[in-house]
């Protein structure tokens, strides 16, 4: 840094501070109408440059080639030159910063400063929100759902830069479901008409479960699976009511849940009776199912509401969450079903959908109208190793075995470890949600499960042994033993020879690696290549067949 005093027409007009690199050539402008009217005083305060050294640059402008000044003092941790290496910390390689609605985020932008210091500027969607002249700039943001997918840019501005240094990141903000409920019917809702109740959810991540409740009892539910196609952060669930009756009057609540929180939104419908319509005074029952769960039992109540109120309750049906039939169960004449939970280790088999069927004698087209209600039961129990898992797995020496374990856990928070002699192995583990199968009450059904894949290196004979897989959640733990044994496809025999002796043929060979199991051999022979060969075997693990 140095100070230059310019004189214009015998009058001092200003002192100017310039910042330059070592060895750089400085061009100084002093505009005068006559050549002898300009002079320069250098950084030492003296008349360091005579007019004889001034070279005309153009009319009225002169330049001195002698101002290559090197005695510049630098103070502080700076480099001479423009700022470099602008970086926003704690973001992913794809320039994404993750946050959660209502939780403060700290966005820090850093730069290797030069002289003069750069000005750091945080901007949000093109509007500046913070600035500073140090080598780092912190911007604190408490995001809302409207900040999701917005961009944040940090710029470093300096007179020594032809264009600002810049980095842009994108915000990925997690937030609970926001719901909008609507009724697709304008005006009064008259008995006998139809309507549709719709619920729109917007959340990040998208809702994985939504339901419609009437008067706090679930009447319809939806759950995300691997085949579900979602419209970005949005999900719509509609409840059609094809024929409304007076008992449809009430409060309807939409419930949506994602991994952040559960939300609900309600609306009310009122069904009116028109004196101009000849409607029946009686109507089929409206059916809901309630449940009471204790340590010993699950008690389900089939609650009907219709006219007349003399109801016939049919057998309950137990289905999987994929609507697969599991069993039919007799309930009481008053619509109650009691399920015993005492069978230890089998509590998960009671999970699923329970449907009750009711009629009150009202007919449509001379057929009794049967109405159904349903309830989803989820066990609060330790994780279960499903029937997919096999106790013996085959691996190849020198290779990694991808040991896949399927676990059923309705709490979705289980932790799974693999152990050898009570020592937890630190191996690469991958977790994902899958559809798998299990046996409920003797029936093979589809269930949602979690697949844990362990990469087991099989580098020594000691690696072919028994392992214990431990699965725990907030309720408890279960264990599964698996044996890893050496196995590979057998190699073909060698040194095959055939010896013919009158009516007898002897075939000799040497077995190769059997892949870890006892192997059998098969002999094929033919006297005419135009025909399919005959097969002799299986032959035990030997080296001769006569």
Protein backbone atom coordinates (compact mmCIF):
# COMPACT_ATOMS: atom_id res chain seq x y z
CA UNK A 1 0.00 0.00 0.00
CA UNK A 2 1.33 3.45 -0.81
CA UNK A 3 0.11 7.03 -0.87
CA UNK A 4 0.33 9.22 -3.95
CA UNK A 5 -0.43 12.91 -4.16
CA UNK A 6 -1.60 14.23 -7.52
CA UNK A 7 -1.32 17.90 -8.48
CA UNK A 8 -3.60 19.45 -11.03
CA UNK A 9 -2.85 22.93 -12.39
CA UNK A 10 -0.70 23.85 -9.37
CA UNK A 11 -3.38 22.74 -6.88
CA UNK A 12 -3.39 19.57 -4.73
CA UNK A 13 -6.71 17.88 -5.35
CA UNK A 14 -6.54 14.50 -3.54
CA UNK A 15 -4.50 11.76 -1.88
CA UNK A 16 -5.29 8.29 -3.23
CA UNK A 17 -4.45 4.88 -1.74
CA UNK A 18 -3.82 2.07 -4.26
CA UNK A 19 -3.45 -1.67 -3.62
CA UNK A 20 -1.21 -3.58 -6.02
CA UNK A 21 0.78 -6.83 -6.23
CA UNK A 22 4.57 -6.93 -5.94
CA UNK A 23 6.19 -6.24 -9.30
CA UNK A 24 3.03 -4.86 -10.87
CA UNK A 25 3.08 -1.78 -13.10
CA UNK A 26 0.90 1.07 -11.91
CA UNK A 27 -0.86 3.39 -14.33
CA UNK A 28 -1.75 6.74 -12.72
CA UNK A 29 -3.87 9.32 -14.46
CA UNK A 30 -3.51 13.07 -13.87
CA UNK A 31 -5.49 15.02 -16.42
CA UNK A 32 -4.06 18.46 -17.39
CA UNK A 33 -4.38 20.63 -20.44
CA UNK A 34 -0.66 21.47 -20.59
CA UNK A 35 2.14 18.99 -20.12
CA UNK A 36 4.17 21.16 -17.68
CA UNK A 37 1.21 21.57 -15.31
CA UNK A 38 1.44 18.02 -13.85
CA UNK A 39 3.82 16.63 -11.25
CA UNK A 40 3.92 13.61 -8.91
CA UNK A 41 4.98 13.13 -5.30
CA UNK A 42 5.86 9.51 -4.45
CA UNK A 43 5.15 7.43 -1.33
CA UNK A 44 8.14 8.92 0.51
CA UNK A 45 6.46 12.31 0.44
CA UNK A 46 9.15 13.80 -1.84
CA UNK A 47 9.07 14.91 -5.40
CA UNK A 48 10.38 11.49 -6.39
CA UNK A 49 9.56 11.78 -10.03
CA UNK A 50 10.73 14.60 -12.25
CA UNK A 51 8.76 15.83 -15.16
CA UNK A 52 11.54 14.49 -17.39
CA UNK A 53 10.40 10.92 -16.61
CA UNK A 54 6.78 11.57 -17.53
CA UNK A 55 5.83 10.09 -20.86
CA UNK A 56 2.79 11.34 -22.73
CA UNK A 57 0.17 8.59 -22.93
CA UNK A 58 -2.37 10.55 -24.91
CA UNK A 59 -3.55 14.12 -25.14
CA UNK A 60 -3.81 15.51 -21.64
CA UNK A 61 -2.81 12.13 -20.02
CA UNK A 62 0.78 11.15 -19.05
CA UNK A 63 2.18 7.90 -17.63
CA UNK A 64 5.32 7.11 -15.66
CA UNK A 65 6.99 3.69 -16.15
CA UNK A 66 9.07 4.18 -12.97
CA UNK A 67 6.38 3.54 -10.35
CA UNK A 68 7.28 -0.14 -9.81
CA UNK A 69 7.27 0.22 -6.02
CA UNK A 70 8.21 -2.81 -3.88
CA UNK A 71 8.48 -1.46 -0.33
CA UNK A 72 4.85 -2.28 0.68
CA UNK A 73 4.05 -3.38 4.21
CA UNK A 74 1.27 -6.02 4.75
CA UNK A 75 -0.45 -6.34 8.10
CA UNK A 76 -2.58 -9.36 9.17
CA UNK A 77 -3.13 -12.88 7.76
CA UNK A 78 -3.69 -11.85 4.18
CA UNK A 79 -2.24 -12.63 0.81
CA UNK A 80 -1.47 -9.97 -1.70
CA UNK A 81 -4.02 -10.34 -4.42
CA UNK A 82 -7.70 -11.16 -4.91
CA UNK A 83 -9.67 -13.47 -2.59
CA UNK A 84 -9.69 -17.20 -3.43
CA UNK A 85 -11.25 -20.52 -2.47
CA UNK A 86 -14.77 -19.44 -1.53
CA UNK A 87 -16.57 -22.33 0.15
CA UNK A 88 -19.84 -22.98 1.99
CA UNK A 89 -19.24 -25.52 4.74
CA UNK A 90 -21.44 -28.39 5.92
CA UNK A 91 -23.17 -28.99 2.59
CA UNK A 92 -23.21 -32.14 0.44
CA UNK A 93 -21.26 -32.71 -2.76
CA UNK A 94 -24.43 -31.80 -4.64
CA UNK A 95 -24.60 -28.44 -2.81
CA UNK A 96 -27.57 -29.37 -0.64
CA UNK A 97 -28.01 -28.12 2.94
CA UNK A 98 -30.44 -30.14 5.05
CA UNK A 99 -32.64 -28.61 7.71
CA UNK A 100 -35.89 -29.02 9.62
CA UNK A 101 -38.78 -26.62 9.91
CA UNK A 102 -38.48 -24.49 13.03
CA UNK A 103 -34.91 -25.60 13.82
CA UNK A 104 -32.20 -22.95 13.35
CA UNK A 105 -29.68 -23.55 10.57
CA UNK A 106 -26.18 -22.05 10.60
CA UNK A 107 -24.92 -21.35 7.07
CA UNK A 108 -21.24 -20.40 6.99
CA UNK A 109 -19.38 -19.07 3.95
CA UNK A 110 -15.56 -18.83 4.05
CA UNK A 111 -12.95 -17.33 1.73
CA UNK A 112 -9.17 -16.93 1.66
CA UNK A 113 -9.01 -13.16 1.86
CA UNK A 114 -6.57 -10.87 0.09
CA UNK A 115 -5.81 -7.16 0.10
CA UNK A 116 -8.14 -5.40 -0.03
CA UNK A 117 -10.53 -7.61 1.97
CA UNK A 118 -13.41 -9.05 0.03
CA UNK A 119 -17.02 -8.33 0.91
CA UNK A 120 -18.99 -11.53 1.54
CA UNK A 121 -22.70 -11.39 0.76
CA UNK A 122 -25.36 -14.00 1.51
CA UNK A 123 -28.39 -13.75 -0.77
CA UNK A 124 -31.62 -15.72 -0.86
CA UNK A 125 -33.30 -16.06 -4.23
CA UNK A 126 -31.38 -13.01 -5.46
CA UNK A 127 -32.06 -10.76 -2.43
CA UNK A 128 -29.16 -9.92 -0.08
CA UNK A 129 -29.82 -11.03 3.50
CA UNK A 130 -26.38 -10.59 5.15
CA UNK A 131 -22.91 -9.15 4.39
CA UNK A 132 -19.50 -8.68 5.99
CA UNK A 133 -15.82 -8.01 5.22
CA UNK A 134 -14.14 -10.81 7.18
CA UNK A 135 -12.91 -14.15 5.88
CA UNK A 136 -16.13 -15.91 6.97
CA UNK A 137 -19.79 -14.93 7.14
CA UNK A 138 -22.42 -16.74 9.22
CA UNK A 139 -26.09 -16.54 8.28
CA UNK A 140 -28.60 -17.99 10.75
CA UNK A 141 -31.90 -19.12 9.30
CA UNK A 142 -34.96 -20.65 10.99
CA UNK A 143 -36.59 -22.32 7.99
CA UNK A 144 -40.23 -22.86 7.21
CA UNK A 145 -41.75 -25.19 4.64
CA UNK A 146 -41.67 -22.35 2.11
CA UNK A 147 -37.86 -22.41 2.25
CA UNK A 148 -37.80 -25.96 0.88
CA UNK A 149 -35.99 -26.11 -2.50
CA UNK A 150 -35.04 -22.42 -2.26
CA UNK A 151 -31.47 -21.44 -3.16
CA UNK A 152 -28.90 -19.55 -1.09
CA UNK A 153 -25.86 -17.90 -2.70
CA UNK A 154 -22.65 -16.61 -1.15
CA UNK A 155 -20.68 -14.06 -3.18
CA UNK A 156 -17.22 -12.61 -2.56
CA UNK A 157 -16.84 -9.16 -4.15
CA UNK A 158 -13.46 -7.43 -4.61
CA UNK A 159 -12.03 -4.68 -6.81
CA UNK A 160 -9.33 -7.15 -7.81
CA UNK A 161 -11.83 -9.63 -9.25
CA UNK A 162 -13.22 -9.36 -12.75
CA UNK A 163 -16.31 -11.21 -11.48
CA UNK A 164 -17.38 -12.22 -7.93
CA UNK A 165 -16.56 -15.60 -6.44
CA UNK A 166 -19.82 -17.43 -5.97
CA UNK A 167 -21.37 -20.68 -4.68
CA UNK A 168 -25.06 -21.56 -4.66
CA UNK A 169 -26.66 -24.20 -2.45
CA UNK A 170 -30.20 -25.56 -2.23
CA UNK A 171 -32.21 -26.06 0.94
CA UNK A 172 -33.83 -29.41 1.69
CA UNK A 173 -36.20 -28.67 4.57
CA UNK A 174 -38.07 -31.44 6.38
CA UNK A 175 -41.56 -30.49 7.55
CA UNK A 176 -44.75 -32.09 8.84
CA UNK A 177 -47.80 -32.70 6.62
CA UNK A 178 -49.92 -29.62 5.87
CA UNK A 179 -53.48 -30.67 5.05
CA UNK A 180 -56.36 -29.24 3.06
CA UNK A 181 -59.75 -30.98 3.26
CA UNK A 182 -62.60 -30.43 0.82
CA UNK A 183 -66.07 -31.76 0.15
CA UNK A 184 -66.86 -32.15 -3.54
CA UNK A 185 -70.50 -31.16 -3.31
CA UNK A 186 -71.80 -27.61 -3.34
CA UNK A 187 -74.92 -26.61 -1.48
CA UNK A 188 -77.03 -28.76 0.83
CA UNK A 189 -76.31 -32.48 0.96
CA UNK A 190 -79.63 -34.28 0.61
CA UNK A 191 -80.17 -37.87 1.72
CA UNK A 192 -79.79 -40.17 -1.26
CA UNK A 193 -77.17 -38.03 -3.01
CA UNK A 194 -73.46 -38.80 -3.25
CA UNK A 195 -70.36 -36.89 -2.22
CA UNK A 196 -66.58 -37.24 -2.04
CA UNK A 197 -64.35 -36.06 0.81
CA UNK A 198 -60.78 -35.31 -0.31
CA UNK A 199 -57.66 -34.61 1.69
CA UNK A 200 -54.55 -33.02 0.17
CA UNK A 201 -51.24 -33.42 2.02
CA UNK A 202 -48.04 -31.50 1.38
CA UNK A 203 -44.95 -32.53 3.37
CA UNK A 204 -41.28 -33.42 3.15
CA UNK A 205 -40.77 -36.33 3.15
CA UNK A 206 -44.15 -37.25 1.64
CA UNK A 207 -46.75 -38.76 3.93
CA UNK A 208 -46.37 -42.54 4.26
CA UNK A 209 -49.75 -43.00 5.93
CA UNK A 210 -53.11 -41.25 5.59
CA UNK A 211 -56.56 -42.06 6.88
CA UNK A 212 -60.11 -40.76 7.16
CA UNK A 213 -61.77 -40.96 10.59
CA UNK A 214 -65.39 -40.37 11.40
CA UNK A 215 -66.11 -39.23 14.94
CA UNK A 216 -62.56 -40.38 15.88
CA UNK A 217 -62.94 -43.89 14.43
CA UNK A 218 -60.91 -44.89 11.38
CA UNK A 219 -63.04 -45.73 8.34
CA UNK A 220 -60.43 -45.66 5.56
CA UNK A 221 -56.64 -45.80 5.42
CA UNK A 222 -53.82 -45.70 2.89
CA UNK A 223 -50.19 -46.70 3.38
CA UNK A 224 -47.25 -46.11 1.08
CA UNK A 225 -45.50 -49.11 -0.47
CA UNK A 226 -42.68 -49.65 -2.96
CA UNK A 227 -45.02 -49.32 -5.94
CA UNK A 228 -46.64 -46.07 -4.81
CA UNK A 229 -46.17 -43.19 -7.23
CA UNK A 230 -46.13 -39.82 -5.49
CA UNK A 231 -46.57 -36.37 -6.97
CA UNK A 232 -43.48 -34.80 -5.42
CA UNK A 233 -44.30 -33.76 -1.86
CA UNK A 234 -48.06 -34.10 -2.41
CA UNK A 235 -50.54 -36.87 -1.77
CA UNK A 236 -54.33 -36.89 -2.15
CA UNK A 237 -56.65 -39.38 -0.46
CA UNK A 238 -60.37 -39.25 -1.25
CA UNK A 239 -63.28 -40.94 0.50
CA UNK A 240 -66.29 -41.48 -1.78
CA UNK A 241 -69.75 -41.84 -0.23
CA UNK A 242 -71.96 -43.09 -3.04
CA UNK A 243 -75.26 -42.81 -1.17
CA UNK A 244 -75.51 -40.60 1.88
CA UNK A 245 -77.91 -41.26 4.71
CA UNK A 246 -78.77 -39.30 7.82
CA UNK A 247 -76.28 -41.28 9.88
CA UNK A 248 -73.45 -40.01 7.67
CA UNK A 249 -73.81 -36.68 9.46
CA UNK A 250 -70.77 -36.01 11.62
CA UNK A 251 -67.17 -34.87 11.83
CA UNK A 252 -64.67 -36.35 9.39
CA UNK A 253 -60.95 -36.04 10.13
CA UNK A 254 -58.08 -36.56 7.74
CA UNK A 255 -54.89 -37.81 9.41
CA UNK A 256 -51.50 -37.78 7.65
CA UNK A 257 -48.16 -38.93 8.99
CA UNK A 258 -44.57 -38.73 7.79
CA UNK A 259 -41.26 -39.32 9.58
CA UNK A 260 -41.41 -35.81 11.08
CA UNK A 261 -44.85 -35.61 12.67
CA UNK A 262 -48.55 -36.43 12.41
CA UNK A 263 -51.13 -33.83 11.32
CA UNK A 264 -54.91 -33.75 11.05
CA UNK A 265 -57.61 -31.58 9.54
CA UNK A 266 -61.39 -31.92 9.98
CA UNK A 267 -64.60 -31.01 8.26
CA UNK A 268 -68.25 -31.60 9.04
CA UNK A 269 -71.04 -32.79 6.80
CA UNK A 270 -74.75 -32.50 7.46
CA UNK A 271 -77.23 -34.69 5.61
CA UNK A 272 -80.70 -33.20 5.20
CA UNK A 273 -84.00 -34.90 4.47
CA UNK A 274 -86.05 -33.43 1.63
CA UNK A 275 -89.83 -33.61 1.94
CA UNK A 276 -90.03 -33.67 -1.85
CA UNK A 277 -88.18 -36.99 -2.06
CA UNK A 278 -89.75 -40.33 -1.24
CA UNK A 279 -86.87 -41.79 0.72
CA UNK A 280 -87.05 -44.87 2.91
CA UNK A 281 -87.30 -44.25 6.62
CA UNK A 282 -84.93 -47.16 7.22
CA UNK A 283 -81.34 -47.35 6.08
CA UNK A 284 -78.45 -49.85 6.19
CA UNK A 285 -76.10 -49.56 9.16
CA UNK A 286 -73.04 -47.37 9.24
CA UNK A 287 -70.26 -49.58 10.65
CA UNK A 288 -67.09 -48.75 12.56
CA UNK A 289 -64.70 -51.01 14.48
CA UNK A 290 -63.14 -50.04 17.80
CA UNK A 291 -60.44 -51.88 19.70
CA UNK A 292 -59.18 -52.34 23.23
CA UNK A 293 -55.71 -53.81 23.69
CA UNK A 294 -54.32 -55.22 26.92
CA UNK A 295 -51.31 -57.39 27.74
CA UNK A 296 -53.43 -60.56 27.38
CA UNK A 297 -56.07 -59.79 24.75
CA UNK A 298 -57.09 -57.73 21.76
CA UNK A 299 -60.83 -56.96 21.92
CA UNK A 300 -62.57 -55.68 18.79
CA UNK A 301 -66.07 -54.17 18.81
CA UNK A 302 -68.19 -53.97 15.66
CA UNK A 303 -70.35 -50.88 16.18
CA UNK A 304 -73.37 -50.50 13.85
CA UNK A 305 -75.71 -47.52 13.50
CA UNK A 306 -78.78 -47.89 11.30
CA UNK A 307 -82.52 -48.31 11.19
CA UNK A 308 -83.87 -50.73 12.22
CA UNK A 309 -81.29 -51.52 14.88
CA UNK A 310 -81.71 -55.31 14.92
CA UNK A 311 -78.35 -56.44 13.55
CA UNK A 312 -76.94 -59.72 12.31
CA UNK A 313 -73.17 -60.02 12.79
CA UNK A 314 -71.31 -62.40 10.50
CA UNK A 315 -67.88 -64.01 10.92
CA UNK A 316 -64.89 -61.72 11.18
CA UNK A 317 -62.27 -61.88 8.45
CA UNK A 318 -58.56 -61.44 9.21
CA UNK A 319 -56.52 -60.12 6.25
CA UNK A 320 -52.93 -59.10 5.71
CA UNK A 321 -52.13 -55.46 5.05
CA UNK A 322 -51.92 -56.52 1.38
CA UNK A 323 -55.56 -57.71 1.56
CA UNK A 324 -54.58 -61.43 1.55
CA UNK A 325 -57.00 -63.72 3.40
CA UNK A 326 -55.57 -65.24 6.57
CA UNK A 327 -58.54 -66.71 8.48
CA UNK A 328 -62.19 -66.37 9.45
CA UNK A 329 -63.01 -66.03 13.15
CA UNK A 330 -66.27 -66.47 15.02
CA UNK A 331 -67.26 -63.51 17.15
CA UNK A 332 -70.11 -62.99 19.55
CA UNK A 333 -73.70 -62.36 18.53
CA UNK A 334 -73.21 -58.76 19.63
CA UNK A 335 -70.30 -58.16 17.29
CA UNK A 336 -67.38 -58.62 19.69
CA UNK A 337 -64.16 -60.49 18.93
CA UNK A 338 -61.54 -61.40 21.56
CA UNK A 339 -58.05 -62.44 20.38
CA UNK A 340 -55.70 -64.17 22.82
CA UNK A 341 -52.17 -62.68 22.91
CA UNK A 342 -50.75 -65.21 25.37
CA UNK A 343 -48.87 -67.28 22.77
CA UNK A 344 -45.32 -65.95 23.29
CA UNK A 345 -43.35 -65.05 20.17
CA UNK A 346 -46.45 -65.12 17.97
CA UNK A 347 -47.98 -61.74 18.75
CA UNK A 348 -47.03 -60.39 15.32
CA UNK A 349 -49.30 -63.00 13.69
CA UNK A 350 -52.30 -61.06 15.00
CA UNK A 351 -51.32 -58.01 12.93
CA UNK A 352 -53.40 -57.07 9.94
CA UNK A 353 -56.88 -55.94 8.97
CA UNK A 354 -59.94 -57.20 10.82
CA UNK A 355 -63.25 -56.81 8.98
CA UNK A 356 -66.68 -57.21 10.46
CA UNK A 357 -69.83 -57.63 8.37
CA UNK A 358 -73.29 -56.49 9.54
CA UNK A 359 -76.83 -56.47 8.17
CA UNK A 360 -80.05 -55.05 9.59
CA UNK A 361 -82.35 -56.62 7.03
CA UNK A 362 -82.58 -53.64 4.65
CA UNK A 363 -82.58 -54.91 1.06
CA UNK A 364 -81.51 -53.43 -2.23
CA UNK A 365 -82.83 -55.11 -5.38
CA UNK A 366 -84.23 -57.86 -3.12
CA UNK A 367 -80.77 -58.60 -1.71
CA UNK A 368 -79.89 -57.93 1.90
CA UNK A 369 -77.44 -55.09 2.22
CA UNK A 370 -74.33 -56.08 4.19
CA UNK A 371 -72.10 -53.31 5.44
CA UNK A 372 -68.49 -53.73 6.48
CA UNK A 373 -66.17 -52.03 8.94
CA UNK A 374 -62.49 -52.60 9.46
CA UNK A 375 -59.68 -51.99 11.93
CA UNK A 376 -55.92 -52.25 11.47
CA UNK A 377 -54.07 -53.92 14.33
CA UNK A 378 -50.33 -53.37 14.82
CA UNK A 379 -48.35 -55.30 17.39
CA UNK A 380 -46.25 -53.51 19.99
CA UNK A 381 -43.65 -56.25 20.21
CA UNK A 382 -39.96 -57.04 19.62
CA UNK A 383 -38.78 -57.52 16.01
CA UNK A 384 -39.43 -60.89 14.39
CA UNK A 385 -37.21 -62.80 11.94
CA UNK A 386 -39.61 -63.80 9.16
CA UNK A 387 -39.90 -67.16 7.39
CA UNK A 388 -37.75 -65.88 4.51
CA UNK A 389 -34.60 -66.30 6.62
CA UNK A 390 -32.77 -69.61 6.23
CA UNK A 391 -30.53 -71.00 8.99
CA UNK A 392 -27.79 -72.09 6.56
CA UNK A 393 -26.11 -69.85 3.99
CA UNK A 394 -23.45 -70.79 1.46
CA UNK A 395 -20.35 -68.71 0.80
CA UNK A 396 -17.22 -68.95 -1.31
CA UNK A 397 -13.73 -68.79 0.14
CA UNK A 398 -11.93 -65.53 -0.68
CA UNK A 399 -15.17 -63.73 -1.54
CA UNK A 400 -17.59 -61.52 0.40
CA UNK A 401 -20.90 -63.05 1.38
CA UNK A 402 -23.84 -60.65 1.23
CA UNK A 403 -25.87 -62.04 4.10
CA UNK A 404 -29.45 -60.77 3.81
CA UNK A 405 -31.68 -60.85 6.89
CA UNK A 406 -35.38 -59.93 6.78
CA UNK A 407 -36.96 -58.48 9.92
CA UNK A 408 -40.62 -57.67 10.66
CA UNK A 409 -40.99 -54.71 13.01
CA UNK A 410 -44.17 -52.66 13.25
CA UNK A 411 -42.36 -49.98 15.28
CA UNK A 412 -39.94 -49.37 12.35
CA UNK A 413 -37.08 -48.49 14.70
CA UNK A 414 -35.20 -51.75 15.17
CA UNK A 415 -31.42 -51.98 15.34
CA UNK A 416 -29.84 -55.14 13.91
CA UNK A 417 -26.31 -56.40 14.69
CA UNK A 418 -24.37 -59.50 13.66
CA UNK A 419 -22.19 -61.21 16.26
CA UNK A 420 -19.56 -63.94 16.43
CA UNK A 421 -18.95 -65.42 19.89
CA UNK A 422 -20.84 -62.49 21.50
CA UNK A 423 -18.55 -60.01 19.73
CA UNK A 424 -20.27 -57.50 17.44
CA UNK A 425 -18.72 -57.50 13.98
CA UNK A 426 -17.97 -54.15 12.38
CA UNK A 427 -18.96 -54.89 8.81
CA UNK A 428 -20.63 -52.82 6.13
CA UNK A 429 -24.41 -52.92 6.60
CA UNK A 430 -27.19 -51.74 4.31
CA UNK A 431 -30.81 -51.24 5.40
CA UNK A 432 -33.87 -50.92 3.14
CA UNK A 433 -37.64 -51.36 3.24
CA UNK A 434 -38.88 -54.36 1.22
CA UNK A 435 -41.85 -56.63 0.71
CA UNK A 436 -41.11 -60.08 2.09
CA UNK A 437 -43.15 -63.07 3.25
CA UNK A 438 -43.95 -64.70 6.56
CA UNK A 439 -46.36 -67.26 7.98
CA UNK A 440 -49.37 -65.98 9.93
CA UNK A 441 -51.53 -68.71 11.46
CA UNK A 442 -50.24 -71.26 8.94
CA UNK A 443 -50.79 -69.05 5.89
CA UNK A 444 -47.98 -67.58 3.78
CA UNK A 445 -48.62 -63.86 3.35
CA UNK A 446 -46.85 -60.73 2.16
CA UNK A 447 -45.62 -58.29 4.80
CA UNK A 448 -43.60 -55.11 4.91
CA UNK A 449 -40.15 -55.84 6.27
CA UNK A 450 -36.71 -54.40 6.65
CA UNK A 451 -33.79 -56.03 4.86
CA UNK A 452 -30.37 -55.82 6.48
CA UNK A 453 -27.47 -56.81 4.24
CA UNK A 454 -24.17 -57.63 5.95
CA UNK A 455 -20.94 -57.85 3.90
CA UNK A 456 -19.09 -60.77 5.50
CA UNK A 457 -15.50 -61.29 4.26
CA UNK A 458 -14.71 -65.03 3.98
CA UNK A 459 -10.92 -64.90 4.07
CA UNK A 460 -10.14 -67.87 6.32
CA UNK A 461 -11.56 -71.20 7.39
CA UNK A 462 -12.54 -69.60 10.70
CA UNK A 463 -15.04 -67.39 8.85
CA UNK A 464 -17.14 -70.45 7.96
CA UNK A 465 -18.99 -70.82 11.26
CA UNK A 466 -22.14 -69.90 13.18
CA UNK A 467 -23.20 -66.27 13.52
CA UNK A 468 -25.90 -64.71 15.68
CA UNK A 469 -28.07 -61.87 14.38
CA UNK A 470 -29.60 -59.64 17.07
CA UNK A 471 -32.64 -57.44 16.36
CA UNK A 472 -33.84 -55.00 19.04
CA UNK A 473 -36.41 -52.21 19.26
CA UNK A 474 -37.88 -50.22 22.14
CA UNK A 475 -39.84 -53.24 23.37
CA UNK A 476 -37.23 -56.01 23.31
CA UNK A 477 -34.91 -58.22 21.28
CA UNK A 478 -34.98 -61.43 19.26
CA UNK A 479 -32.12 -63.55 17.94
CA UNK A 480 -31.48 -65.64 14.85
CA UNK A 481 -28.60 -68.10 14.34
CA UNK A 482 -27.22 -68.64 10.88
CA UNK A 483 -24.49 -71.01 9.77
CA UNK A 484 -22.18 -69.95 6.95
CA UNK A 485 -20.64 -72.90 5.13
CA UNK A 486 -18.25 -73.15 2.22
CA UNK A 487 -20.00 -73.83 -1.05
CA UNK A 488 -19.33 -73.40 -4.73
CA UNK A 489 -20.24 -75.21 -7.89
CA UNK A 490 -18.19 -78.42 -8.33
CA UNK A 491 -15.35 -78.52 -10.81
CA UNK A 492 -15.43 -81.09 -13.59
CA UNK A 493 -13.54 -84.38 -13.22
CA UNK A 494 -10.10 -84.80 -14.82
CA UNK A 495 -8.03 -87.63 -16.34
CA UNK A 496 -11.06 -89.39 -17.74
CA UNK A 497 -10.24 -92.72 -19.40
CA UNK A 498 -12.33 -95.54 -20.92
CA UNK A 499 -11.16 -99.17 -21.02
CA UNK A 500 -13.18 -101.64 -23.17
CA UNK A 501 -12.90 -105.35 -22.34
CA UNK A 502 -15.17 -107.57 -24.47
CA UNK A 503 -18.67 -106.98 -23.01
CA UNK A 504 -17.44 -104.73 -20.25
CA UNK A 505 -16.47 -101.02 -20.26
CA UNK A 506 -14.62 -99.37 -17.40
CA UNK A 507 -14.68 -95.55 -17.00
CA UNK A 508 -12.06 -93.97 -14.75
CA UNK A 509 -11.66 -90.35 -13.60
CA UNK A 510 -10.25 -88.14 -10.86
CA UNK A 511 -12.71 -85.92 -8.93
CA UNK A 512 -11.93 -82.23 -8.61
CA UNK A 513 -13.04 -79.67 -6.00
CA UNK A 514 -16.52 -80.64 -4.80
CA UNK A 515 -17.63 -77.08 -3.85
CA UNK A 516 -17.90 -77.98 -0.19
CA UNK A 517 -20.52 -80.74 -0.50
CA UNK A 518 -20.69 -84.41 -1.36
CA UNK A 519 -21.06 -84.65 -5.10
CA UNK A 520 -22.61 -87.14 -7.53
CA UNK A 521 -21.43 -88.00 -11.02
CA UNK A 522 -23.44 -88.78 -14.12
CA UNK A 523 -22.22 -90.70 -17.18
CA UNK A 524 -23.62 -90.05 -20.63
CA UNK A 525 -22.96 -92.39 -23.54
CA UNK A 526 -24.27 -93.16 -27.00
CA UNK A 527 -23.35 -95.45 -29.88
CA UNK A 528 -24.75 -93.04 -32.45
CA UNK A 529 -24.27 -89.26 -32.20
CA UNK A 530 -27.57 -88.75 -34.03
CA UNK A 531 -29.46 -89.90 -30.98
CA UNK A 532 -29.77 -88.46 -27.52
CA UNK A 533 -27.23 -90.03 -25.14
CA UNK A 534 -28.27 -92.28 -22.30
CA UNK A 535 -27.52 -91.20 -18.73
CA UNK A 536 -26.22 -93.41 -15.93
CA UNK A 537 -26.28 -91.99 -12.44
CA UNK A 538 -26.12 -90.57 -9.98
CA UNK A 539 -22.82 -92.17 -9.10
CA UNK A 540 -21.38 -91.58 -5.63
CA UNK A 541 -18.23 -89.56 -5.04
CA UNK A 542 -15.73 -92.09 -6.45
CA UNK A 543 -13.26 -92.32 -9.26
CA UNK A 544 -14.54 -95.38 -11.08
CA UNK A 545 -17.73 -96.66 -12.69
CA UNK A 546 -17.93 -99.99 -14.52
